[in-house]
Amino acid sequence: MSGRGAGPNAETAGRMVEEVLDRIASAGDRAACESAEELVRVLMEFYGAAFARAMDLLRHGPDRPAREAVAALLRDELVGGLLVLHGLHPEDVPARIAHALDALPQSVESTGFDPATGELRLRLLGSGGCGCGDSREAVEQAARDTLACLAPEVAAVTVEADAPGPVLLQIGSGPPGASPSAPDGRPPATTAP
């Protein structure tokens, strides 16, 4: 996604803000802590209102390039993450999960999302579905990283092990040791002694 490498993502920035607030709180100055929390709240409201206005202008613009710009903004990790953070992302959780999964280098499909627990279950597709522990762990980590901004509702990612494939049977022309069939498929005629 285009937001990668462009500075901190929404998850990192949120963590940094929490760390600063924790440091202020640990200093023991209650008034300073309350002022810092109020400052964060005011800035969030300000930026949220600005993002809401920008999205409204882009979505309701008369031209197609504006609608295409909205689609690009929604799929961008940094901008999309900020829109989610401010409750302005117009897509629902399943759509945001699908967009995040599309950005993964591995082909995966969702086999279910449980909103109560936040668990997303995935299955590897194609040649990636070898069931190897290391590849599953790598896919889980990549999915968690991508979903952190666009679908923070996902609290856990589990890549399901592949189900064993069907057993292949060799089908012969008859039971072992039987004589071959006649060209028309019927068993050969036997002659009496």
N, C-alpha and C. Protein backbone atom coordinates (compact mmCIF):
# COMPACT_ATOMS: atom_id res chain seq x y z
N MET A 1 0.84 -1.18 0.00
CA MET A 1 0.00 0.00 0.00
C MET A 1 0.87 1.23 0.00
N SER A 2 0.35 2.32 -0.50
CA SER A 2 1.17 3.49 -0.66
C SER A 2 1.56 4.15 0.64
N GLY A 3 0.85 3.86 1.74
CA GLY A 3 1.17 4.48 3.01
C GLY A 3 2.40 3.90 3.67
N ARG A 4 2.86 2.73 3.25
CA ARG A 4 4.02 2.10 3.87
C ARG A 4 5.27 2.91 3.58
N GLY A 5 6.11 3.04 4.60
CA GLY A 5 7.36 3.74 4.41
C GLY A 5 7.22 5.25 4.42
N ALA A 6 6.03 5.79 4.59
CA ALA A 6 5.82 7.23 4.55
C ALA A 6 5.80 7.82 5.95
N GLY A 7 6.37 7.16 6.92
CA GLY A 7 6.36 7.64 8.29
C GLY A 7 5.57 6.68 9.15
N PRO A 8 5.28 7.08 10.39
CA PRO A 8 4.57 6.17 11.30
C PRO A 8 3.15 5.90 10.81
N ASN A 9 2.69 4.68 11.06
CA ASN A 9 1.31 4.37 10.71
C ASN A 9 0.42 4.72 11.90
N ALA A 10 -0.87 4.53 11.75
CA ALA A 10 -1.81 4.91 12.80
C ALA A 10 -1.57 4.13 14.08
N GLU A 11 -1.22 2.85 13.96
CA GLU A 11 -0.98 2.04 15.15
C GLU A 11 0.24 2.55 15.92
N THR A 12 1.33 2.82 15.20
CA THR A 12 2.55 3.31 15.84
C THR A 12 2.32 4.67 16.48
N ALA A 13 1.65 5.56 15.76
CA ALA A 13 1.38 6.89 16.30
C ALA A 13 0.51 6.79 17.56
N GLY A 14 -0.49 5.94 17.53
CA GLY A 14 -1.35 5.76 18.70
C GLY A 14 -0.57 5.26 19.91
N ARG A 15 0.34 4.31 19.64
CA ARG A 15 1.18 3.78 20.72
C ARG A 15 2.08 4.86 21.30
N MET A 16 2.63 5.71 20.42
CA MET A 16 3.51 6.79 20.87
C MET A 16 2.75 7.79 21.74
N VAL A 17 1.54 8.14 21.33
CA VAL A 17 0.72 9.06 22.12
C VAL A 17 0.45 8.47 23.50
N GLU A 18 0.09 7.18 23.53
CA GLU A 18 -0.16 6.52 24.82
C GLU A 18 1.08 6.52 25.71
N GLU A 19 2.25 6.30 25.12
CA GLU A 19 3.49 6.31 25.90
C GLU A 19 3.76 7.68 26.51
N VAL A 20 3.54 8.74 25.72
CA VAL A 20 3.74 10.10 26.22
C VAL A 20 2.76 10.39 27.36
N LEU A 21 1.49 10.02 27.17
CA LEU A 21 0.50 10.24 28.22
C LEU A 21 0.85 9.45 29.48
N ASP A 22 1.36 8.24 29.32
CA ASP A 22 1.77 7.43 30.47
C ASP A 22 2.93 8.08 31.22
N ARG A 23 3.89 8.64 30.47
CA ARG A 23 5.03 9.32 31.11
C ARG A 23 4.55 10.52 31.92
N ILE A 24 3.61 11.28 31.34
CA ILE A 24 3.08 12.45 32.04
C ILE A 24 2.34 12.01 33.30
N ALA A 25 1.55 10.93 33.18
CA ALA A 25 0.80 10.43 34.33
C ALA A 25 1.74 9.92 35.42
N SER A 26 2.84 9.28 35.01
CA SER A 26 3.77 8.73 36.01
C SER A 26 4.53 9.83 36.76
N ALA A 27 4.56 11.04 36.22
CA ALA A 27 5.23 12.16 36.90
C ALA A 27 4.44 12.59 38.14
N GLY A 28 3.17 12.20 38.20
CA GLY A 28 2.37 12.49 39.39
C GLY A 28 1.65 13.82 39.38
N ASP A 29 1.80 14.59 38.30
CA ASP A 29 1.11 15.88 38.22
C ASP A 29 -0.26 15.66 37.55
N ARG A 30 -1.28 15.57 38.38
CA ARG A 30 -2.63 15.26 37.89
C ARG A 30 -3.13 16.33 36.92
N ALA A 31 -2.89 17.60 37.21
CA ALA A 31 -3.35 18.69 36.34
C ALA A 31 -2.67 18.61 34.98
N ALA A 32 -1.38 18.31 34.96
CA ALA A 32 -0.66 18.19 33.69
C ALA A 32 -1.19 17.01 32.89
N CYS A 33 -1.48 15.91 33.57
CA CYS A 33 -2.01 14.72 32.91
C CYS A 33 -3.37 15.01 32.28
N GLU A 34 -4.25 15.67 33.03
CA GLU A 34 -5.57 16.02 32.50
C GLU A 34 -5.46 16.98 31.33
N SER A 35 -4.53 17.95 31.41
CA SER A 35 -4.34 18.90 30.32
C SER A 35 -3.84 18.19 29.06
N ALA A 36 -2.92 17.24 29.23
CA ALA A 36 -2.40 16.50 28.08
C ALA A 36 -3.49 15.67 27.42
N GLU A 37 -4.32 15.01 28.23
CA GLU A 37 -5.42 14.23 27.68
C GLU A 37 -6.43 15.12 26.96
N GLU A 38 -6.69 16.31 27.52
CA GLU A 38 -7.61 17.25 26.86
C GLU A 38 -7.03 17.72 25.53
N LEU A 39 -5.72 17.98 25.51
CA LEU A 39 -5.06 18.41 24.27
C LEU A 39 -5.21 17.34 23.19
N VAL A 40 -4.97 16.09 23.54
CA VAL A 40 -5.12 15.00 22.57
C VAL A 40 -6.56 14.93 22.08
N ARG A 41 -7.51 15.05 22.98
CA ARG A 41 -8.94 15.00 22.61
C ARG A 41 -9.31 16.13 21.65
N VAL A 42 -8.85 17.35 21.94
CA VAL A 42 -9.15 18.51 21.08
C VAL A 42 -8.53 18.32 19.70
N LEU A 43 -7.29 17.86 19.65
CA LEU A 43 -6.64 17.64 18.36
C LEU A 43 -7.35 16.55 17.57
N MET A 44 -7.76 15.48 18.25
CA MET A 44 -8.50 14.41 17.57
C MET A 44 -9.79 14.94 16.98
N GLU A 45 -10.52 15.74 17.72
CA GLU A 45 -11.77 16.31 17.22
C GLU A 45 -11.51 17.22 16.03
N PHE A 46 -10.46 18.04 16.13
CA PHE A 46 -10.12 18.96 15.04
C PHE A 46 -9.77 18.20 13.77
N TYR A 47 -8.83 17.25 13.88
CA TYR A 47 -8.44 16.47 12.71
C TYR A 47 -9.60 15.63 12.19
N GLY A 48 -10.38 15.09 13.08
CA GLY A 48 -11.53 14.29 12.66
C GLY A 48 -12.52 15.11 11.86
N ALA A 49 -12.79 16.34 12.31
CA ALA A 49 -13.72 17.22 11.58
C ALA A 49 -13.15 17.56 10.20
N ALA A 50 -11.85 17.80 10.13
CA ALA A 50 -11.22 18.12 8.85
C ALA A 50 -11.30 16.93 7.89
N PHE A 51 -11.01 15.74 8.40
CA PHE A 51 -11.10 14.55 7.55
C PHE A 51 -12.53 14.31 7.08
N ALA A 52 -13.49 14.51 7.97
CA ALA A 52 -14.90 14.32 7.60
C ALA A 52 -15.28 15.28 6.48
N ARG A 53 -14.84 16.52 6.60
CA ARG A 53 -15.15 17.52 5.57
C ARG A 53 -14.49 17.15 4.25
N ALA A 54 -13.22 16.74 4.28
CA ALA A 54 -12.52 16.36 3.05
C ALA A 54 -13.20 15.17 2.37
N MET A 55 -13.58 14.18 3.16
CA MET A 55 -14.24 13.00 2.58
C MET A 55 -15.59 13.39 1.99
N ASP A 56 -16.32 14.27 2.66
CA ASP A 56 -17.61 14.71 2.16
C ASP A 56 -17.45 15.44 0.83
N LEU A 57 -16.46 16.33 0.75
CA LEU A 57 -16.22 17.06 -0.50
C LEU A 57 -15.83 16.13 -1.63
N LEU A 58 -14.99 15.15 -1.33
CA LEU A 58 -14.55 14.22 -2.38
C LEU A 58 -15.66 13.28 -2.81
N ARG A 59 -16.42 12.76 -1.85
CA ARG A 59 -17.47 11.79 -2.18
C ARG A 59 -18.60 12.41 -2.98
N HIS A 60 -18.92 13.63 -2.69
CA HIS A 60 -20.07 14.26 -3.34
C HIS A 60 -19.67 15.15 -4.51
N GLY A 61 -18.41 15.07 -4.90
CA GLY A 61 -17.97 15.83 -6.05
C GLY A 61 -18.61 15.30 -7.32
N PRO A 62 -18.82 16.15 -8.31
CA PRO A 62 -19.51 15.74 -9.53
C PRO A 62 -18.66 14.93 -10.50
N ASP A 63 -17.36 14.94 -10.30
CA ASP A 63 -16.53 14.28 -11.30
C ASP A 63 -15.98 12.94 -10.83
N ARG A 64 -15.69 12.12 -11.81
CA ARG A 64 -15.20 10.77 -11.55
C ARG A 64 -13.83 10.77 -10.87
N PRO A 65 -12.89 11.65 -11.25
CA PRO A 65 -11.59 11.63 -10.57
C PRO A 65 -11.71 11.79 -9.05
N ALA A 66 -12.68 12.56 -8.58
CA ALA A 66 -12.84 12.73 -7.13
C ALA A 66 -13.25 11.40 -6.49
N ARG A 67 -14.16 10.67 -7.13
CA ARG A 67 -14.58 9.37 -6.58
C ARG A 67 -13.42 8.37 -6.62
N GLU A 68 -12.60 8.45 -7.66
CA GLU A 68 -11.43 7.58 -7.73
C GLU A 68 -10.42 7.95 -6.64
N ALA A 69 -10.33 9.25 -6.35
CA ALA A 69 -9.43 9.70 -5.28
C ALA A 69 -9.90 9.16 -3.94
N VAL A 70 -11.21 9.14 -3.71
CA VAL A 70 -11.75 8.59 -2.47
C VAL A 70 -11.37 7.13 -2.35
N ALA A 71 -11.53 6.38 -3.43
CA ALA A 71 -11.19 4.95 -3.40
C ALA A 71 -9.71 4.76 -3.07
N ALA A 72 -8.85 5.59 -3.64
CA ALA A 72 -7.42 5.50 -3.36
C ALA A 72 -7.13 5.85 -1.90
N LEU A 73 -7.80 6.86 -1.37
CA LEU A 73 -7.60 7.25 0.03
C LEU A 73 -8.03 6.13 0.98
N LEU A 74 -9.15 5.50 0.67
CA LEU A 74 -9.67 4.44 1.54
C LEU A 74 -8.74 3.25 1.60
N ARG A 75 -8.01 2.98 0.52
CA ARG A 75 -7.13 1.82 0.47
C ARG A 75 -5.71 2.12 0.95
N ASP A 76 -5.41 3.39 1.13
CA ASP A 76 -4.09 3.78 1.61
C ASP A 76 -3.99 3.46 3.10
N GLU A 77 -2.89 2.81 3.50
CA GLU A 77 -2.76 2.37 4.89
C GLU A 77 -2.78 3.54 5.87
N LEU A 78 -2.04 4.60 5.57
CA LEU A 78 -1.96 5.74 6.50
C LEU A 78 -3.27 6.52 6.55
N VAL A 79 -3.78 6.93 5.39
CA VAL A 79 -5.02 7.70 5.35
C VAL A 79 -6.20 6.84 5.80
N GLY A 80 -6.26 5.61 5.29
CA GLY A 80 -7.34 4.71 5.69
C GLY A 80 -7.33 4.46 7.19
N GLY A 81 -6.13 4.31 7.76
CA GLY A 81 -6.02 4.12 9.20
C GLY A 81 -6.53 5.30 9.99
N LEU A 82 -6.23 6.51 9.52
CA LEU A 82 -6.73 7.71 10.20
C LEU A 82 -8.25 7.82 10.09
N LEU A 83 -8.77 7.45 8.93
CA LEU A 83 -10.23 7.48 8.77
C LEU A 83 -10.91 6.49 9.71
N VAL A 84 -10.30 5.30 9.86
CA VAL A 84 -10.83 4.31 10.81
C VAL A 84 -10.75 4.85 12.23
N LEU A 85 -9.60 5.43 12.57
CA LEU A 85 -9.38 5.97 13.91
C LEU A 85 -10.44 7.01 14.28
N HIS A 86 -10.83 7.81 13.30
CA HIS A 86 -11.82 8.87 13.54
C HIS A 86 -13.25 8.42 13.28
N GLY A 87 -13.43 7.13 12.94
CA GLY A 87 -14.78 6.62 12.68
C GLY A 87 -15.38 7.15 11.39
N LEU A 88 -14.53 7.50 10.43
CA LEU A 88 -15.00 8.10 9.18
C LEU A 88 -14.89 7.18 7.97
N HIS A 89 -14.29 6.02 8.15
CA HIS A 89 -14.14 5.11 7.01
C HIS A 89 -15.52 4.57 6.65
N PRO A 90 -15.96 4.79 5.41
CA PRO A 90 -17.32 4.39 5.05
C PRO A 90 -17.53 2.90 4.84
N GLU A 91 -16.45 2.13 4.72
CA GLU A 91 -16.61 0.70 4.48
C GLU A 91 -16.77 -0.04 5.80
N ASP A 92 -17.54 -1.14 5.76
CA ASP A 92 -17.72 -1.93 6.98
C ASP A 92 -16.50 -2.82 7.21
N VAL A 93 -16.49 -3.49 8.34
CA VAL A 93 -15.34 -4.30 8.75
C VAL A 93 -15.01 -5.38 7.71
N PRO A 94 -15.98 -6.17 7.22
CA PRO A 94 -15.61 -7.19 6.23
C PRO A 94 -14.96 -6.62 4.97
N ALA A 95 -15.43 -5.46 4.51
CA ALA A 95 -14.83 -4.85 3.31
C ALA A 95 -13.41 -4.39 3.60
N ARG A 96 -13.17 -3.81 4.78
CA ARG A 96 -11.83 -3.36 5.13
C ARG A 96 -10.89 -4.55 5.31
N ILE A 97 -11.40 -5.64 5.88
CA ILE A 97 -10.58 -6.85 6.02
C ILE A 97 -10.20 -7.36 4.63
N ALA A 98 -11.15 -7.40 3.72
CA ALA A 98 -10.89 -7.89 2.36
C ALA A 98 -9.82 -7.05 1.67
N HIS A 99 -9.91 -5.72 1.80
CA HIS A 99 -8.91 -4.84 1.18
C HIS A 99 -7.52 -5.07 1.78
N ALA A 100 -7.46 -5.25 3.09
CA ALA A 100 -6.18 -5.50 3.74
C ALA A 100 -5.59 -6.83 3.28
N LEU A 101 -6.43 -7.85 3.17
CA LEU A 101 -5.93 -9.17 2.75
C LEU A 101 -5.46 -9.14 1.30
N ASP A 102 -6.10 -8.31 0.47
CA ASP A 102 -5.67 -8.19 -0.92
C ASP A 102 -4.26 -7.63 -1.04
N ALA A 103 -3.84 -6.88 -0.02
CA ALA A 103 -2.50 -6.26 -0.04
C ALA A 103 -1.40 -7.22 0.39
N LEU A 104 -1.76 -8.39 0.91
CA LEU A 104 -0.75 -9.34 1.37
C LEU A 104 -0.03 -9.97 0.18
N PRO A 105 1.26 -10.29 0.33
CA PRO A 105 1.97 -10.95 -0.76
C PRO A 105 1.51 -12.40 -0.97
N GLN A 106 0.94 -13.02 0.07
CA GLN A 106 0.44 -14.38 -0.04
C GLN A 106 -1.05 -14.34 -0.40
N SER A 107 -1.49 -15.35 -1.14
CA SER A 107 -2.91 -15.46 -1.45
C SER A 107 -3.61 -16.16 -0.30
N VAL A 108 -4.56 -15.46 0.30
CA VAL A 108 -5.32 -16.02 1.42
C VAL A 108 -6.80 -15.73 1.21
N GLU A 109 -7.62 -16.49 1.92
CA GLU A 109 -9.04 -16.18 1.95
C GLU A 109 -9.50 -16.25 3.39
N SER A 110 -10.48 -15.42 3.70
CA SER A 110 -11.04 -15.44 5.05
C SER A 110 -12.01 -16.60 5.16
N THR A 111 -11.87 -17.36 6.25
CA THR A 111 -12.83 -18.43 6.50
C THR A 111 -13.76 -18.05 7.64
N GLY A 112 -13.62 -16.81 8.13
CA GLY A 112 -14.54 -16.32 9.14
C GLY A 112 -13.92 -15.29 10.05
N PHE A 113 -14.75 -14.33 10.47
CA PHE A 113 -14.35 -13.32 11.44
C PHE A 113 -15.38 -13.32 12.55
N ASP A 114 -14.90 -13.43 13.79
CA ASP A 114 -15.78 -13.42 14.95
C ASP A 114 -15.68 -12.05 15.61
N PRO A 115 -16.70 -11.19 15.43
CA PRO A 115 -16.64 -9.85 16.02
C PRO A 115 -16.58 -9.86 17.54
N ALA A 116 -17.10 -10.89 18.17
CA ALA A 116 -17.10 -10.95 19.64
C ALA A 116 -15.69 -11.12 20.19
N THR A 117 -14.87 -11.94 19.53
CA THR A 117 -13.51 -12.18 20.01
C THR A 117 -12.47 -11.42 19.20
N GLY A 118 -12.85 -10.95 18.02
CA GLY A 118 -11.89 -10.26 17.15
C GLY A 118 -10.99 -11.20 16.38
N GLU A 119 -11.31 -12.51 16.38
CA GLU A 119 -10.46 -13.48 15.69
C GLU A 119 -10.85 -13.58 14.22
N LEU A 120 -9.83 -13.49 13.37
CA LEU A 120 -9.98 -13.68 11.93
C LEU A 120 -9.28 -14.97 11.56
N ARG A 121 -10.00 -15.87 10.91
CA ARG A 121 -9.42 -17.14 10.46
C ARG A 121 -9.17 -17.05 8.96
N LEU A 122 -7.98 -17.49 8.56
CA LEU A 122 -7.57 -17.43 7.16
C LEU A 122 -7.15 -18.81 6.68
N ARG A 123 -7.19 -18.97 5.37
CA ARG A 123 -6.67 -20.18 4.73
C ARG A 123 -5.76 -19.74 3.59
N LEU A 124 -4.58 -20.37 3.53
CA LEU A 124 -3.66 -20.09 2.43
C LEU A 124 -4.20 -20.69 1.15
N LEU A 125 -4.03 -19.98 0.05
CA LEU A 125 -4.48 -20.47 -1.25
C LEU A 125 -3.27 -20.75 -2.14
N GLY A 126 -3.46 -21.55 -3.13
CA GLY A 126 -2.41 -21.81 -4.11
C GLY A 126 -1.24 -22.56 -3.51
N SER A 127 -0.06 -22.29 -4.04
CA SER A 127 1.13 -23.03 -3.62
C SER A 127 1.56 -22.68 -2.21
N GLY A 128 1.04 -21.57 -1.64
CA GLY A 128 1.41 -21.21 -0.29
C GLY A 128 0.77 -22.10 0.75
N GLY A 129 -0.20 -22.90 0.39
CA GLY A 129 -0.92 -23.70 1.37
C GLY A 129 -0.26 -25.00 1.71
N CYS A 130 1.03 -24.96 2.03
CA CYS A 130 1.74 -26.20 2.31
C CYS A 130 1.50 -26.69 3.71
N GLY A 131 0.95 -25.85 4.58
CA GLY A 131 0.71 -26.26 5.95
C GLY A 131 1.95 -26.18 6.82
N CYS A 132 3.03 -25.60 6.30
CA CYS A 132 4.27 -25.48 7.08
C CYS A 132 4.07 -24.47 8.19
N GLY A 133 4.56 -24.77 9.38
CA GLY A 133 4.41 -23.89 10.53
C GLY A 133 5.01 -22.52 10.29
N ASP A 134 6.23 -22.46 9.70
CA ASP A 134 6.88 -21.18 9.50
C ASP A 134 6.10 -20.29 8.54
N SER A 135 5.58 -20.85 7.45
CA SER A 135 4.86 -20.02 6.50
C SER A 135 3.55 -19.53 7.10
N ARG A 136 2.91 -20.34 7.92
CA ARG A 136 1.67 -19.89 8.57
C ARG A 136 1.96 -18.74 9.51
N GLU A 137 3.04 -18.86 10.29
CA GLU A 137 3.40 -17.79 11.22
C GLU A 137 3.72 -16.49 10.47
N ALA A 138 4.43 -16.61 9.34
CA ALA A 138 4.77 -15.42 8.55
C ALA A 138 3.51 -14.76 8.00
N VAL A 139 2.58 -15.57 7.52
CA VAL A 139 1.33 -15.03 6.98
C VAL A 139 0.52 -14.37 8.10
N GLU A 140 0.46 -15.02 9.27
CA GLU A 140 -0.28 -14.43 10.39
C GLU A 140 0.30 -13.08 10.77
N GLN A 141 1.64 -12.97 10.83
CA GLN A 141 2.27 -11.70 11.21
C GLN A 141 2.01 -10.64 10.15
N ALA A 142 2.16 -11.00 8.86
CA ALA A 142 1.92 -10.04 7.78
C ALA A 142 0.47 -9.56 7.81
N ALA A 143 -0.45 -10.48 8.06
CA ALA A 143 -1.87 -10.10 8.13
C ALA A 143 -2.12 -9.17 9.31
N ARG A 144 -1.55 -9.49 10.48
CA ARG A 144 -1.73 -8.62 11.66
C ARG A 144 -1.21 -7.22 11.38
N ASP A 145 -0.04 -7.13 10.74
CA ASP A 145 0.55 -5.82 10.45
C ASP A 145 -0.34 -5.01 9.51
N THR A 146 -0.86 -5.66 8.48
CA THR A 146 -1.69 -4.96 7.49
C THR A 146 -3.05 -4.59 8.06
N LEU A 147 -3.61 -5.49 8.87
CA LEU A 147 -4.95 -5.25 9.43
C LEU A 147 -4.94 -4.22 10.56
N ALA A 148 -3.79 -3.99 11.19
CA ALA A 148 -3.72 -3.10 12.35
C ALA A 148 -4.30 -1.72 12.05
N CYS A 149 -4.06 -1.21 10.87
CA CYS A 149 -4.55 0.13 10.54
C CYS A 149 -5.93 0.12 9.90
N LEU A 150 -6.14 -0.78 8.96
CA LEU A 150 -7.40 -0.76 8.21
C LEU A 150 -8.55 -1.48 8.92
N ALA A 151 -8.24 -2.43 9.76
CA ALA A 151 -9.30 -3.16 10.48
C ALA A 151 -8.83 -3.47 11.89
N PRO A 152 -8.71 -2.45 12.74
CA PRO A 152 -8.23 -2.69 14.10
C PRO A 152 -9.18 -3.55 14.93
N GLU A 153 -10.37 -3.82 14.41
CA GLU A 153 -11.31 -4.72 15.09
C GLU A 153 -10.78 -6.14 15.15
N VAL A 154 -9.83 -6.46 14.25
CA VAL A 154 -9.23 -7.79 14.23
C VAL A 154 -8.16 -7.84 15.33
N ALA A 155 -8.41 -8.64 16.35
CA ALA A 155 -7.49 -8.74 17.49
C ALA A 155 -6.54 -9.93 17.36
N ALA A 156 -6.93 -10.93 16.59
CA ALA A 156 -6.10 -12.13 16.43
C ALA A 156 -6.30 -12.69 15.03
N VAL A 157 -5.22 -13.24 14.49
CA VAL A 157 -5.26 -13.86 13.16
C VAL A 157 -4.77 -15.29 13.29
N THR A 158 -5.55 -16.22 12.76
CA THR A 158 -5.17 -17.63 12.78
C THR A 158 -5.24 -18.16 11.35
N VAL A 159 -4.12 -18.70 10.89
CA VAL A 159 -4.12 -19.35 9.58
C VAL A 159 -4.38 -20.82 9.84
N GLU A 160 -5.48 -21.30 9.30
CA GLU A 160 -5.89 -22.69 9.52
C GLU A 160 -4.99 -23.64 8.74
N ALA A 161 -4.69 -24.77 9.37
CA ALA A 161 -3.91 -25.81 8.70
C ALA A 161 -4.75 -26.39 7.57
N ASP A 162 -4.07 -26.75 6.52
CA ASP A 162 -4.79 -27.36 5.40
C ASP A 162 -5.40 -28.67 5.82
N ALA A 163 -6.60 -28.91 5.36
CA ALA A 163 -7.23 -30.22 5.58
C ALA A 163 -6.53 -31.22 4.67
N PRO A 164 -6.38 -32.45 5.13
CA PRO A 164 -5.74 -33.43 4.26
C PRO A 164 -6.55 -33.60 2.98
N GLY A 165 -5.84 -33.71 1.87
CA GLY A 165 -6.50 -33.86 0.59
C GLY A 165 -7.13 -35.23 0.44
N PRO A 166 -7.91 -35.41 -0.61
CA PRO A 166 -8.55 -36.71 -0.82
C PRO A 166 -7.49 -37.76 -1.15
N VAL A 167 -7.77 -38.98 -0.73
CA VAL A 167 -6.88 -40.08 -1.03
C VAL A 167 -7.12 -40.51 -2.47
N LEU A 168 -6.04 -40.59 -3.22
CA LEU A 168 -6.17 -41.00 -4.61
C LEU A 168 -6.04 -42.52 -4.70
N LEU A 169 -6.95 -43.13 -5.39
CA LEU A 169 -6.94 -44.58 -5.58
C LEU A 169 -6.61 -44.88 -7.03
N GLN A 170 -5.79 -45.89 -7.22
CA GLN A 170 -5.51 -46.33 -8.57
C GLN A 170 -6.61 -47.29 -8.98
N ILE A 171 -7.28 -46.96 -10.04
CA ILE A 171 -8.37 -47.82 -10.50
C ILE A 171 -7.85 -48.64 -11.67
N GLY A 172 -7.86 -49.93 -11.49
CA GLY A 172 -7.41 -50.84 -12.54
C GLY A 172 -8.59 -51.44 -13.27
N SER A 173 -8.30 -52.42 -14.14
CA SER A 173 -9.36 -53.04 -14.92
C SER A 173 -10.05 -54.17 -14.18
N GLY A 174 -9.60 -54.51 -13.02
CA GLY A 174 -10.22 -55.59 -12.28
C GLY A 174 -9.45 -55.85 -11.00
N PRO A 175 -9.92 -56.83 -10.23
CA PRO A 175 -9.20 -57.12 -8.99
C PRO A 175 -7.81 -57.66 -9.30
N PRO A 176 -6.89 -57.49 -8.34
CA PRO A 176 -5.53 -57.99 -8.58
C PRO A 176 -5.56 -59.47 -8.92
N GLY A 177 -4.76 -59.83 -9.89
CA GLY A 177 -4.66 -61.23 -10.30
C GLY A 177 -5.71 -61.67 -11.29
N ALA A 178 -6.67 -60.81 -11.61
CA ALA A 178 -7.72 -61.19 -12.56
C ALA A 178 -7.17 -61.08 -13.97
N SER A 179 -7.74 -61.86 -14.85
CA SER A 179 -7.30 -61.80 -16.24
C SER A 179 -7.87 -60.56 -16.90
N PRO A 180 -7.19 -60.06 -17.88
CA PRO A 180 -7.65 -58.83 -18.53
C PRO A 180 -8.99 -59.03 -19.22
N SER A 181 -9.69 -57.94 -19.40
CA SER A 181 -11.01 -57.97 -20.05
C SER A 181 -10.85 -58.09 -21.55
N ALA A 182 -11.95 -58.49 -22.16
CA ALA A 182 -12.01 -58.52 -23.61
C ALA A 182 -12.11 -57.09 -24.11
N PRO A 183 -11.84 -56.84 -25.39
CA PRO A 183 -11.87 -55.48 -25.92
C PRO A 183 -13.22 -54.78 -25.71
N ASP A 184 -14.31 -55.53 -25.61
CA ASP A 184 -15.61 -54.87 -25.42
C ASP A 184 -15.92 -54.61 -23.96
N GLY A 185 -14.98 -54.89 -23.05
CA GLY A 185 -15.17 -54.62 -21.63
C GLY A 185 -15.75 -55.77 -20.84
N ARG A 186 -16.23 -56.83 -21.53
CA ARG A 186 -16.77 -57.98 -20.81
C ARG A 186 -15.66 -58.93 -20.46
N PRO A 187 -15.83 -59.68 -19.35
CA PRO A 187 -14.79 -60.66 -19.01
C PRO A 187 -14.67 -61.68 -20.11
N PRO A 188 -13.45 -62.22 -20.31
CA PRO A 188 -13.27 -63.20 -21.38
C PRO A 188 -14.09 -64.47 -21.10
N ALA A 189 -14.50 -65.09 -22.15
CA ALA A 189 -15.27 -66.34 -22.01
C ALA A 189 -14.35 -67.44 -21.53
N THR A 190 -14.88 -68.28 -20.72
CA THR A 190 -14.09 -69.41 -20.26
C THR A 190 -14.55 -70.66 -21.01
N THR A 191 -13.65 -71.53 -21.19
CA THR A 191 -13.99 -72.77 -21.91
C THR A 191 -14.01 -73.91 -20.89
N ALA A 192 -14.93 -74.79 -21.11
CA ALA A 192 -15.04 -75.95 -20.21
C ALA A 192 -13.91 -76.91 -20.54
N PRO A 193 -13.40 -77.68 -19.57
CA PRO A 193 -12.33 -78.66 -19.83
C PRO A 193 -12.80 -79.83 -20.62
